[in-house]
Amino acid sequence: MQIALIVISILLIVIVLLQSNKAESSAQIFSGATSDLFSKRKERGVELFISRLTFLLGMSFFVICLVSSFM
């Protein structure tokens, strides 16, 4: 169970680092240029796959941690 947790955590870190940055720079957030930050943008193709994979890995990490805490 611990090996699966380690593998999932490493994959989760890699997948999160692969995701595209929603805000192009953090300076835009502080300067007030947030017009593109909150625009409705649909994820398609690879972005959608990475987003769903991140969700699945995160949920499996949570469930494994929860189950291992009760064992």
N, C-alpha and C. Protein backbone atom coordinates (compact mmCIF):
# COMPACT_ATOMS: atom_id res chain seq x y z
N MET A 1 0.83 -1.19 0.00
CA MET A 1 0.00 0.00 0.00
C MET A 1 0.87 1.25 0.00
N GLN A 2 2.00 1.20 0.71
CA GLN A 2 2.88 2.37 0.76
C GLN A 2 3.57 2.60 -0.58
N ILE A 3 3.86 1.53 -1.30
CA ILE A 3 4.50 1.69 -2.60
C ILE A 3 3.53 2.36 -3.58
N ALA A 4 2.27 1.95 -3.53
CA ALA A 4 1.27 2.58 -4.39
C ALA A 4 1.11 4.06 -4.05
N LEU A 5 1.17 4.38 -2.77
CA LEU A 5 1.05 5.77 -2.34
C LEU A 5 2.23 6.60 -2.83
N ILE A 6 3.42 6.04 -2.80
CA ILE A 6 4.60 6.75 -3.28
C ILE A 6 4.52 6.96 -4.79
N VAL A 7 4.11 5.93 -5.52
CA VAL A 7 4.00 6.04 -6.98
C VAL A 7 2.95 7.08 -7.36
N ILE A 8 1.80 7.04 -6.70
CA ILE A 8 0.73 8.00 -7.00
C ILE A 8 1.17 9.42 -6.66
N SER A 9 1.87 9.59 -5.55
CA SER A 9 2.31 10.95 -5.19
C SER A 9 3.32 11.50 -6.18
N ILE A 10 4.23 10.66 -6.67
CA ILE A 10 5.20 11.12 -7.67
C ILE A 10 4.50 11.46 -8.98
N LEU A 11 3.56 10.61 -9.41
CA LEU A 11 2.80 10.90 -10.62
C LEU A 11 1.98 12.17 -10.48
N LEU A 12 1.41 12.38 -9.31
CA LEU A 12 0.61 13.58 -9.06
C LEU A 12 1.47 14.84 -9.15
N ILE A 13 2.66 14.79 -8.62
CA ILE A 13 3.57 15.94 -8.70
C ILE A 13 3.93 16.23 -10.15
N VAL A 14 4.25 15.19 -10.91
CA VAL A 14 4.64 15.37 -12.31
C VAL A 14 3.48 15.92 -13.13
N ILE A 15 2.28 15.39 -12.93
CA ILE A 15 1.12 15.83 -13.70
C ILE A 15 0.76 17.28 -13.37
N VAL A 16 0.86 17.66 -12.10
CA VAL A 16 0.55 19.05 -11.73
C VAL A 16 1.57 20.00 -12.36
N LEU A 17 2.82 19.59 -12.43
CA LEU A 17 3.83 20.44 -13.07
C LEU A 17 3.63 20.54 -14.57
N LEU A 18 2.99 19.56 -15.19
CA LEU A 18 2.75 19.59 -16.63
C LEU A 18 1.57 20.47 -17.02
N GLN A 19 0.71 20.80 -16.07
CA GLN A 19 -0.48 21.58 -16.40
C GLN A 19 -0.09 22.98 -16.86
N SER A 20 -0.89 23.50 -17.78
CA SER A 20 -0.63 24.84 -18.27
C SER A 20 -0.99 25.86 -17.21
N ASN A 21 -0.29 26.95 -17.23
CA ASN A 21 -0.51 28.00 -16.25
C ASN A 21 -1.71 28.84 -16.68
N LYS A 22 -2.70 28.98 -15.82
CA LYS A 22 -3.89 29.76 -16.16
C LYS A 22 -3.58 31.25 -16.21
N ALA A 23 -2.84 31.75 -15.24
CA ALA A 23 -2.41 33.14 -15.26
C ALA A 23 -1.02 33.16 -15.88
N GLU A 24 -0.85 33.99 -16.89
CA GLU A 24 0.41 33.96 -17.62
C GLU A 24 1.58 34.46 -16.78
N SER A 25 1.34 35.36 -15.88
CA SER A 25 2.38 35.75 -14.95
C SER A 25 1.72 36.24 -13.67
N SER A 26 2.42 36.04 -12.58
CA SER A 26 1.85 36.45 -11.31
C SER A 26 1.83 37.97 -11.18
N ALA A 27 2.62 38.66 -11.96
CA ALA A 27 2.62 40.12 -11.92
C ALA A 27 1.30 40.69 -12.41
N GLN A 28 0.63 39.97 -13.33
CA GLN A 28 -0.66 40.43 -13.84
C GLN A 28 -1.71 40.43 -12.74
N ILE A 29 -1.62 39.50 -11.84
CA ILE A 29 -2.60 39.42 -10.76
C ILE A 29 -2.48 40.64 -9.85
N PHE A 30 -1.25 41.01 -9.53
CA PHE A 30 -1.05 42.13 -8.61
C PHE A 30 -1.23 43.48 -9.27
N SER A 31 -0.98 43.56 -10.57
CA SER A 31 -1.12 44.85 -11.26
C SER A 31 -2.55 45.14 -11.67
N GLY A 32 -3.42 44.16 -11.61
CA GLY A 32 -4.82 44.38 -11.94
C GLY A 32 -5.18 43.99 -13.35
N ALA A 33 -4.27 43.45 -14.09
CA ALA A 33 -4.55 43.04 -15.46
C ALA A 33 -5.06 41.60 -15.47
N THR A 34 -6.26 41.43 -14.94
CA THR A 34 -6.80 40.08 -14.80
C THR A 34 -7.94 39.82 -15.78
N SER A 35 -7.96 40.49 -16.89
CA SER A 35 -9.05 40.30 -17.83
C SER A 35 -9.05 38.89 -18.41
N ASP A 36 -7.88 38.33 -18.67
CA ASP A 36 -7.80 36.98 -19.21
C ASP A 36 -7.80 35.92 -18.12
N LEU A 37 -7.58 36.32 -16.88
CA LEU A 37 -7.47 35.35 -15.79
C LEU A 37 -8.79 34.64 -15.53
N PHE A 38 -9.89 35.38 -15.53
CA PHE A 38 -11.17 34.79 -15.20
C PHE A 38 -12.05 34.55 -16.42
N SER A 39 -11.48 34.59 -17.59
CA SER A 39 -12.27 34.35 -18.79
C SER A 39 -12.64 32.88 -18.87
N LYS A 40 -13.80 32.61 -19.42
CA LYS A 40 -14.25 31.22 -19.54
C LYS A 40 -13.52 30.57 -20.69
N ARG A 41 -12.71 29.58 -20.35
CA ARG A 41 -11.92 28.90 -21.35
C ARG A 41 -12.11 27.41 -21.16
N LYS A 42 -12.55 26.74 -22.20
CA LYS A 42 -12.77 25.31 -22.11
C LYS A 42 -11.46 24.57 -22.33
N GLU A 43 -11.28 23.53 -21.54
CA GLU A 43 -10.11 22.69 -21.74
C GLU A 43 -10.43 21.69 -22.83
N ARG A 44 -9.48 21.48 -23.70
CA ARG A 44 -9.68 20.53 -24.80
C ARG A 44 -8.44 19.71 -24.99
N GLY A 45 -8.63 18.52 -25.49
CA GLY A 45 -7.51 17.66 -25.86
C GLY A 45 -6.65 17.24 -24.69
N VAL A 46 -5.39 17.60 -24.78
CA VAL A 46 -4.41 17.18 -23.78
C VAL A 46 -4.68 17.86 -22.44
N GLU A 47 -5.10 19.13 -22.46
CA GLU A 47 -5.40 19.83 -21.21
C GLU A 47 -6.52 19.14 -20.45
N LEU A 48 -7.54 18.70 -21.15
CA LEU A 48 -8.66 18.01 -20.51
C LEU A 48 -8.20 16.68 -19.93
N PHE A 49 -7.37 15.95 -20.67
CA PHE A 49 -6.86 14.67 -20.19
C PHE A 49 -6.00 14.86 -18.94
N ILE A 50 -5.12 15.86 -18.95
CA ILE A 50 -4.26 16.11 -17.79
C ILE A 50 -5.08 16.56 -16.59
N SER A 51 -6.10 17.35 -16.83
CA SER A 51 -6.97 17.80 -15.74
C SER A 51 -7.72 16.63 -15.10
N ARG A 52 -8.25 15.75 -15.93
CA ARG A 52 -8.97 14.58 -15.41
C ARG A 52 -8.03 13.61 -14.72
N LEU A 53 -6.83 13.44 -15.26
CA LEU A 53 -5.84 12.56 -14.65
C LEU A 53 -5.40 13.10 -13.29
N THR A 54 -5.26 14.42 -13.19
CA THR A 54 -4.93 15.05 -11.91
C THR A 54 -6.01 14.78 -10.88
N PHE A 55 -7.26 14.92 -11.30
CA PHE A 55 -8.37 14.65 -10.39
C PHE A 55 -8.38 13.19 -9.93
N LEU A 56 -8.19 12.27 -10.86
CA LEU A 56 -8.19 10.85 -10.50
C LEU A 56 -7.03 10.49 -9.58
N LEU A 57 -5.85 11.02 -9.86
CA LEU A 57 -4.71 10.74 -9.00
C LEU A 57 -4.90 11.36 -7.62
N GLY A 58 -5.45 12.55 -7.57
CA GLY A 58 -5.71 13.20 -6.28
C GLY A 58 -6.72 12.44 -5.45
N MET A 59 -7.79 11.98 -6.10
CA MET A 59 -8.80 11.22 -5.36
C MET A 59 -8.25 9.87 -4.91
N SER A 60 -7.46 9.20 -5.75
CA SER A 60 -6.89 7.92 -5.33
C SER A 60 -5.88 8.12 -4.20
N PHE A 61 -5.12 9.21 -4.23
CA PHE A 61 -4.21 9.52 -3.14
C PHE A 61 -4.98 9.72 -1.84
N PHE A 62 -6.07 10.47 -1.91
CA PHE A 62 -6.90 10.72 -0.74
C PHE A 62 -7.49 9.43 -0.18
N VAL A 63 -8.02 8.59 -1.05
CA VAL A 63 -8.65 7.34 -0.61
C VAL A 63 -7.62 6.39 0.00
N ILE A 64 -6.45 6.29 -0.62
CA ILE A 64 -5.42 5.41 -0.07
C ILE A 64 -4.94 5.90 1.29
N CYS A 65 -4.78 7.22 1.42
CA CYS A 65 -4.39 7.78 2.73
C CYS A 65 -5.47 7.53 3.79
N LEU A 66 -6.71 7.67 3.40
CA LEU A 66 -7.82 7.45 4.32
C LEU A 66 -7.89 5.99 4.75
N VAL A 67 -7.77 5.08 3.80
CA VAL A 67 -7.83 3.65 4.11
C VAL A 67 -6.63 3.23 4.95
N SER A 68 -5.46 3.73 4.63
CA SER A 68 -4.27 3.33 5.39
C SER A 68 -4.26 3.88 6.80
N SER A 69 -4.97 4.98 7.05
CA SER A 69 -5.03 5.52 8.39
C SER A 69 -5.91 4.68 9.32
N PHE A 70 -6.86 3.93 8.75
CA PHE A 70 -7.71 3.09 9.56
C PHE A 70 -7.20 1.68 9.71
N MET A 71 -6.11 1.35 9.05
CA MET A 71 -5.55 -0.01 9.16
C MET A 71 -4.54 -0.09 10.27
